[in-house]
PDB file of N, CA and C in Angstrom:
ATOM      1  N   MET A   1       2.716  -0.514 -16.725  1.00  0.00           N
ATOM      2  CA  MET A   1       1.247  -0.469 -16.405  1.00  0.00           C
ATOM      3  C   MET A   1       1.272   0.093 -14.831  1.00  0.00           C
ATOM      4  N   LEU A   2       2.152  -0.274 -13.967  1.00  0.00           N
ATOM      5  CA  LEU A   2       2.064   0.261 -12.476  1.00  0.00           C
ATOM      6  C   LEU A   2       2.246   1.656 -12.531  1.00  0.00           C
ATOM      7  N   TYR A   3       3.287   1.836 -13.177  1.00  0.00           N
ATOM      8  CA  TYR A   3       3.729   3.577 -13.326  1.00  0.00           C
ATOM      9  C   TYR A   3       2.527   4.476 -14.020  1.00  0.00           C
ATOM     10  N   LEU A   4       2.099   3.866 -15.178  1.00  0.00           N
ATOM     11  CA  LEU A   4       1.046   4.565 -15.714  1.00  0.00           C
ATOM     12  C   LEU A   4      -0.366   4.957 -14.983  1.00  0.00           C
ATOM     13  N   LYS A   5      -0.745   3.920 -14.276  1.00  0.00           N
ATOM     14  CA  LYS A   5      -1.760   3.894 -13.448  1.00  0.00           C
ATOM     15  C   LYS A   5      -1.640   4.466 -11.886  1.00  0.00           C
ATOM     16  N   ARG A   6      -0.280   4.754 -11.638  1.00  0.00           N
ATOM     17  CA  ARG A   6       0.083   5.339 -10.562  1.00  0.00           C
ATOM     18  C   ARG A   6      -0.193   4.349  -9.367  1.00  0.00           C
ATOM     19  N   LEU A   7       0.058   3.054  -9.542  1.00  0.00           N
ATOM     20  CA  LEU A   7      -0.056   2.027  -8.690  1.00  0.00           C
ATOM     21  C   LEU A   7       1.270   1.884  -8.011  1.00  0.00           C
ATOM     22  N   ARG A   8       1.357   1.237  -6.853  1.00  0.00           N
ATOM     23  CA  ARG A   8       2.857   0.849  -6.249  1.00  0.00           C
ATOM     24  C   ARG A   8       2.690  -0.551  -5.924  1.00  0.00           C
ATOM     25  N   MET A   9       3.609  -1.444  -5.727  1.00  0.00           N
ATOM     26  CA  MET A   9       3.659  -2.417  -5.129  1.00  0.00           C
ATOM     27  C   MET A   9       4.939  -2.601  -4.271  1.00  0.00           C
ATOM     28  N   ILE A  10       4.850  -2.943  -3.011  1.00  0.00           N
ATOM     29  CA  ILE A  10       5.998  -2.985  -2.075  1.00  0.00           C
ATOM     30  C   ILE A  10       6.049  -3.841  -1.337  1.00  0.00           C
ATOM     31  N   GLY A  11       7.173  -4.429  -1.097  1.00  0.00           N
ATOM     32  CA  GLY A  11       7.249  -5.904  -0.584  1.00  0.00           C
ATOM     33  C   GLY A  11       7.262  -7.223  -1.104  1.00  0.00           C
ATOM     34  N   VAL A  12       7.492  -7.005  -2.640  1.00  0.00           N
ATOM     35  CA  VAL A  12       7.473  -8.269  -3.435  1.00  0.00           C
ATOM     36  C   VAL A  12       8.931  -8.585  -3.747  1.00  0.00           C
ATOM     37  N   GLY A  13       9.527  -9.644  -3.301  1.00  0.00           N
ATOM     38  CA  GLY A  13      10.734  -9.902  -3.609  1.00  0.00           C
ATOM     39  C   GLY A  13      11.149 -11.339  -4.455  1.00  0.00           C
ATOM     40  N   LEU A  14      10.304 -12.051  -4.594  1.00  0.00           N
ATOM     41  CA  LEU A  14      10.373 -13.304  -5.268  1.00  0.00           C
ATOM     42  C   LEU A  14       9.154 -13.634  -6.257  1.00  0.00           C
ATOM     43  N   GLY A  15       9.659 -14.188  -7.214  1.00  0.00           N
ATOM     44  CA  GLY A  15       8.413 -14.683  -8.252  1.00  0.00           C
ATOM     45  C   GLY A  15       8.783 -14.396  -9.848  1.00  0.00           C
ATOM     46  N   THR A  16       8.200 -14.659 -10.285  1.00  0.00           N
ATOM     47  CA  THR A  16       8.462 -14.355 -11.879  1.00  0.00           C
ATOM     48  C   THR A  16       7.521 -13.486 -12.403  1.00  0.00           C
ATOM     49  N   GLN A  17       7.781 -13.138 -13.319  1.00  0.00           N
ATOM     50  CA  GLN A  17       6.630 -12.012 -14.154  1.00  0.00           C
ATOM     51  C   GLN A  17       5.532 -12.775 -14.385  1.00  0.00           C
ATOM     52  N   ARG A  18       5.357 -13.838 -14.576  1.00  0.00           N
ATOM     53  CA  ARG A  18       4.010 -14.526 -14.708  1.00  0.00           C
ATOM     54  C   ARG A  18       3.577 -14.467 -13.204  1.00  0.00           C
ATOM     55  N   HIS A  19       4.019 -14.558 -12.263  1.00  0.00           N
ATOM     56  CA  HIS A  19       3.493 -14.505 -10.895  1.00  0.00           C
ATOM     57  C   HIS A  19       3.008 -13.044 -10.689  1.00  0.00           C
ATOM     58  N   PHE A  20       3.802 -12.027 -11.241  1.00  0.00           N
ATOM     59  CA  PHE A  20       3.535 -10.727 -10.815  1.00  0.00           C
ATOM     60  C   PHE A  20       2.098 -10.568 -11.557  1.00  0.00           C
ATOM     61  N   GLU A  21       2.034 -10.701 -12.606  1.00  0.00           N
ATOM     62  CA  GLU A  21       0.813 -10.481 -13.618  1.00  0.00           C
ATOM     63  C   GLU A  21      -0.343 -11.102 -13.029  1.00  0.00           C
ATOM     64  N   ALA A  22      -0.165 -12.420 -12.358  1.00  0.00           N
ATOM     65  CA  ALA A  22      -1.161 -13.173 -11.650  1.00  0.00           C
ATOM     66  C   ALA A  22      -1.666 -12.167 -10.658  1.00  0.00           C
ATOM     67  N   VAL A  23      -0.986 -11.721  -9.668  1.00  0.00           N
ATOM     68  CA  VAL A  23      -1.108 -11.064  -8.627  1.00  0.00           C
ATOM     69  C   VAL A  23      -1.985  -9.857  -9.095  1.00  0.00           C
ATOM     70  N   LEU A  24      -1.556  -9.072  -9.985  1.00  0.00           N
ATOM     71  CA  LEU A  24      -1.964  -7.930 -10.525  1.00  0.00           C
ATOM     72  C   LEU A  24      -3.766  -8.275 -10.840  1.00  0.00           C
ATOM     73  N   GLY A  25      -3.855  -9.304 -11.572  1.00  0.00           N
ATOM     74  CA  GLY A  25      -4.978  -9.892 -11.859  1.00  0.00           C
ATOM     75  C   GLY A  25      -5.993 -10.043 -10.901  1.00  0.00           C
ATOM     76  N   HIS A  26      -5.531 -10.345  -9.646  1.00  0.00           N
ATOM     77  CA  HIS A  26      -6.461 -10.673  -8.510  1.00  0.00           C
ATOM     78  C   HIS A  26      -6.536  -9.210  -7.766  1.00  0.00           C
ATOM     79  N   ILE A  27      -5.603  -8.324  -8.023  1.00  0.00           N
ATOM     80  CA  ILE A  27      -6.064  -7.094  -7.476  1.00  0.00           C
ATOM     81  C   ILE A  27      -7.191  -6.365  -8.420  1.00  0.00           C
ATOM     82  N   ARG A  28      -6.849  -6.344  -9.375  1.00  0.00           N
ATOM     83  CA  ARG A  28      -7.849  -5.771 -10.482  1.00  0.00           C
ATOM     84  C   ARG A  28      -9.240  -6.425 -10.514  1.00  0.00           C
ATOM     85  N   ALA A  29      -9.183  -7.503 -10.094  1.00  0.00           N
ATOM     86  CA  ALA A  29     -10.653  -8.173  -9.916  1.00  0.00           C
ATOM     87  C   ALA A  29     -11.353  -7.923  -8.453  1.00  0.00           C
ATOM     88  N   GLY A  30     -10.325  -7.569  -7.758  1.00  0.00           N
ATOM     89  CA  GLY A  30     -10.891  -7.131  -6.347  1.00  0.00           C
ATOM     90  C   GLY A  30     -10.767  -8.218  -5.450  1.00  0.00           C
ATOM     91  N   ARG A  31      -9.989  -9.398  -5.671  1.00  0.00           N
ATOM     92  CA  ARG A  31      -9.999 -10.367  -4.932  1.00  0.00           C
ATOM     93  C   ARG A  31      -8.815 -10.339  -3.883  1.00  0.00           C
ATOM     94  N   ILE A  32      -7.987  -9.245  -3.915  1.00  0.00           N
ATOM     95  CA  ILE A  32      -6.822  -9.134  -2.974  1.00  0.00           C
ATOM     96  C   ILE A  32      -7.308  -7.495  -2.726  1.00  0.00           C
ATOM     97  N   LYS A  33      -7.415  -7.073  -1.441  1.00  0.00           N
ATOM     98  CA  LYS A  33      -7.290  -5.818  -0.961  1.00  0.00           C
ATOM     99  C   LYS A  33      -6.442  -5.611   0.137  1.00  0.00           C
ATOM    100  N   PRO A  34      -5.831  -4.342   0.083  1.00  0.00           N
ATOM    101  CA  PRO A  34      -4.979  -4.148   1.193  1.00  0.00           C
ATOM    102  C   PRO A  34      -5.747  -3.655   2.446  1.00  0.00           C
ATOM    103  N   LEU A  35      -5.244  -4.354   3.793  1.00  0.00           N
ATOM    104  CA  LEU A  35      -5.813  -3.946   4.991  1.00  0.00           C
ATOM    105  C   LEU A  35      -5.216  -2.671   5.516  1.00  0.00           C
ATOM    106  N   LEU A  36      -6.027  -1.872   5.536  1.00  0.00           N
ATOM    107  CA  LEU A  36      -5.551  -0.494   6.054  1.00  0.00           C
ATOM    108  C   LEU A  36      -5.899  -0.368   7.491  1.00  0.00           C
ATOM    109  N   ALA A  37      -4.632   0.035   8.148  1.00  0.00           N
ATOM    110  CA  ALA A  37      -5.010   0.291   9.719  1.00  0.00           C
ATOM    111  C   ALA A  37      -5.330   1.846   9.918  1.00  0.00           C
ATOM    112  N   ALA A  38      -4.805   2.660   8.919  1.00  0.00           N
ATOM    113  CA  ALA A  38      -5.135   3.965   8.987  1.00  0.00           C
ATOM    114  C   ALA A  38      -4.289   4.792   7.945  1.00  0.00           C
ATOM    115  N   THR A  39      -4.876   5.932   7.709  1.00  0.00           N
ATOM    116  CA  THR A  39      -4.373   6.821   6.607  1.00  0.00           C
ATOM    117  C   THR A  39      -4.255   8.331   7.040  1.00  0.00           C
ATOM    118  N   TYR A  40      -3.114   8.930   6.777  1.00  0.00           N
ATOM    119  CA  TYR A  40      -2.798  10.444   7.187  1.00  0.00           C
ATOM    120  C   TYR A  40      -2.576  11.169   6.024  1.00  0.00           C
ATOM    121  N   PRO A  41      -3.099  12.584   6.312  1.00  0.00           N
ATOM    122  CA  PRO A  41      -2.754  13.514   5.484  1.00  0.00           C
ATOM    123  C   PRO A  41      -1.187  13.764   5.603  1.00  0.00           C
ATOM    124  N   LEU A  42      -0.536  14.305   4.389  1.00  0.00           N
ATOM    125  CA  LEU A  42       0.813  14.771   4.545  1.00  0.00           C
ATOM    126  C   LEU A  42       1.344  15.460   5.697  1.00  0.00           C
ATOM    127  N   ALA A  43       0.363  16.300   5.912  1.00  0.00           N
ATOM    128  CA  ALA A  43       0.515  17.463   7.164  1.00  0.00           C
ATOM    129  C   ALA A  43       0.773  16.575   8.481  1.00  0.00           C
ATOM    130  N   GLU A  44       0.293  15.253   8.435  1.00  0.00           N
ATOM    131  CA  GLU A  44       0.321  14.597   9.754  1.00  0.00           C
ATOM    132  C   GLU A  44       1.252  13.446   9.837  1.00  0.00           C
ATOM    133  N   LEU A  45       2.486  13.740   8.896  1.00  0.00           N
ATOM    134  CA  LEU A  45       3.373  12.835   8.942  1.00  0.00           C
ATOM    135  C   LEU A  45       4.011  12.296  10.071  1.00  0.00           C
ATOM    136  N   LYS A  46       4.128  12.985  10.846  1.00  0.00           N
ATOM    137  CA  LYS A  46       4.877  13.135  12.229  1.00  0.00           C
ATOM    138  C   LYS A  46       3.996  12.137  13.112  1.00  0.00           C
ATOM    139  N   ARG A  47       2.836  12.033  13.088  1.00  0.00           N
ATOM    140  CA  ARG A  47       1.707  11.185  13.865  1.00  0.00           C
ATOM    141  C   ARG A  47       1.974   9.943  13.175  1.00  0.00           C
ATOM    142  N   ALA A  48       2.020   9.871  11.896  1.00  0.00           N
ATOM    143  CA  ALA A  48       2.214   8.467  11.006  1.00  0.00           C
ATOM    144  C   ALA A  48       3.369   7.883  11.584  1.00  0.00           C
ATOM    145  N   GLN A  49       4.300   8.677  11.507  1.00  0.00           N
ATOM    146  CA  GLN A  49       5.725   7.933  11.976  1.00  0.00           C
ATOM    147  C   GLN A  49       5.796   7.548  13.426  1.00  0.00           C
ATOM    148  N   THR A  50       4.933   8.249  14.393  1.00  0.00           N
ATOM    149  CA  THR A  50       5.045   7.770  15.743  1.00  0.00           C
ATOM    150  C   THR A  50       4.095   6.574  16.009  1.00  0.00           C
ATOM    151  N   ASP A  51       3.044   6.641  15.190  1.00  0.00           N
ATOM    152  CA  ASP A  51       2.284   5.351  15.161  1.00  0.00           C
ATOM    153  C   ASP A  51       2.850   4.214  14.391  1.00  0.00           C
ATOM    154  N   PHE A  52       3.578   4.426  13.528  1.00  0.00           N
ATOM    155  CA  PHE A  52       4.396   3.338  12.773  1.00  0.00           C
ATOM    156  C   PHE A  52       5.306   2.672  13.726  1.00  0.00           C
ATOM    157  N   LEU A  53       6.162   3.579  14.555  1.00  0.00           N
ATOM    158  CA  LEU A  53       7.212   2.972  15.567  1.00  0.00           C
ATOM    159  C   LEU A  53       6.330   2.411  16.752  1.00  0.00           C
ATOM    160  N   SER A  54       5.179   2.552  17.072  1.00  0.00           N
ATOM    161  CA  SER A  54       4.451   2.027  18.225  1.00  0.00           C
ATOM    162  C   SER A  54       4.312   0.579  17.704  1.00  0.00           C
ATOM    163  N   LYS A  55       3.930   0.281  16.685  1.00  0.00           N
ATOM    164  CA  LYS A  55       3.689  -1.224  16.494  1.00  0.00           C
ATOM    165  C   LYS A  55       2.347  -1.621  17.017  1.00  0.00           C
ATOM    166  N   GLN A  56       1.576  -0.653  17.106  1.00  0.00           N
ATOM    167  CA  GLN A  56       0.190  -0.943  17.784  1.00  0.00           C
ATOM    168  C   GLN A  56      -0.641  -0.959  16.993  1.00  0.00           C
ATOM    169  N   PHE A  57      -0.679  -1.419  15.683  1.00  0.00           N
ATOM    170  CA  PHE A  57      -1.363  -1.491  14.684  1.00  0.00           C
ATOM    171  C   PHE A  57      -1.578  -2.849  13.743  1.00  0.00           C
ATOM    172  N   PHE A  58      -2.372  -3.343  13.061  1.00  0.00           N
ATOM    173  CA  PHE A  58      -2.463  -4.416  12.201  1.00  0.00           C
ATOM    174  C   PHE A  58      -2.919  -3.801  10.641  1.00  0.00           C
ATOM    175  N   GLY A  59      -2.103  -3.975   9.766  1.00  0.00           N
ATOM    176  CA  GLY A  59      -2.513  -3.660   8.468  1.00  0.00           C
ATOM    177  C   GLY A  59      -1.559  -2.700   8.018  1.00  0.00           C
ATOM    178  N   ASN A  60      -1.829  -1.656   7.064  1.00  0.00           N
ATOM    179  CA  ASN A  60      -0.766  -0.878   6.390  1.00  0.00           C
ATOM    180  C   ASN A  60      -1.110   0.787   6.844  1.00  0.00           C
ATOM    181  N   LEU A  61      -0.177   1.486   7.278  1.00  0.00           N
ATOM    182  CA  LEU A  61      -0.413   2.813   7.615  1.00  0.00           C
ATOM    183  C   LEU A  61       0.032   3.495   5.971  1.00  0.00           C
ATOM    184  N   VAL A  62      -1.139   4.315   5.826  1.00  0.00           N
ATOM    185  CA  VAL A  62      -0.727   5.260   4.321  1.00  0.00           C
ATOM    186  C   VAL A  62      -0.772   6.448   4.833  1.00  0.00           C
ATOM    187  N   VAL A  63       0.331   7.273   4.034  1.00  0.00           N
ATOM    188  CA  VAL A  63       0.344   8.705   4.240  1.00  0.00           C
ATOM    189  C   VAL A  63      -0.091   9.341   2.786  1.00  0.00           C
ATOM    190  N   LEU A  64      -1.018  10.169   2.675  1.00  0.00           N
ATOM    191  CA  LEU A  64      -1.694  10.598   1.502  1.00  0.00           C
ATOM    192  C   LEU A  64      -0.700  11.969   1.126  1.00  0.00           C
ATOM    193  N   PRO A  65      -0.142  12.037   0.040  1.00  0.00           N
ATOM    194  CA  PRO A  65       0.762  13.325  -0.217  1.00  0.00           C
ATOM    195  C   PRO A  65      -0.198  14.543  -0.507  1.00  0.00           C
ATOM    196  N   ARG A  66      -1.435  14.426  -0.824  1.00  0.00           N
ATOM    197  CA  ARG A  66      -2.523  15.214  -1.015  1.00  0.00           C
ATOM    198  C   ARG A  66      -3.792  15.080  -0.904  1.00  0.00           C
ATOM    199  N   ALA A  67      -4.596  15.879  -0.752  1.00  0.00           N
ATOM    200  CA  ALA A  67      -6.151  15.492  -0.858  1.00  0.00           C
ATOM    201  C   ALA A  67      -6.503  14.733  -2.124  1.00  0.00           C
ATOM    202  N   SER A  68      -7.285  14.055  -1.991  1.00  0.00           N
ATOM    203  CA  SER A  68      -7.702  13.158  -3.232  1.00  0.00           C
ATOM    204  C   SER A  68      -9.420  13.626  -3.319  1.00  0.00           C
TER     205      SER A  68
END
């Protein structure tokens, strides 16, 4: 399901299939939303890496592989 909808879940290391399905249900219902600190186009990957290494952000940094 994640693959077909081009979704990714990173950082999950514990839990059962049932737990995973429950988390997906919360995401689909909009009860869980990622906290984005910044987004970068792929052309600004170096800046994204610099910002990541600075550790001066709260949330996720996202690099977009192409314009959406």
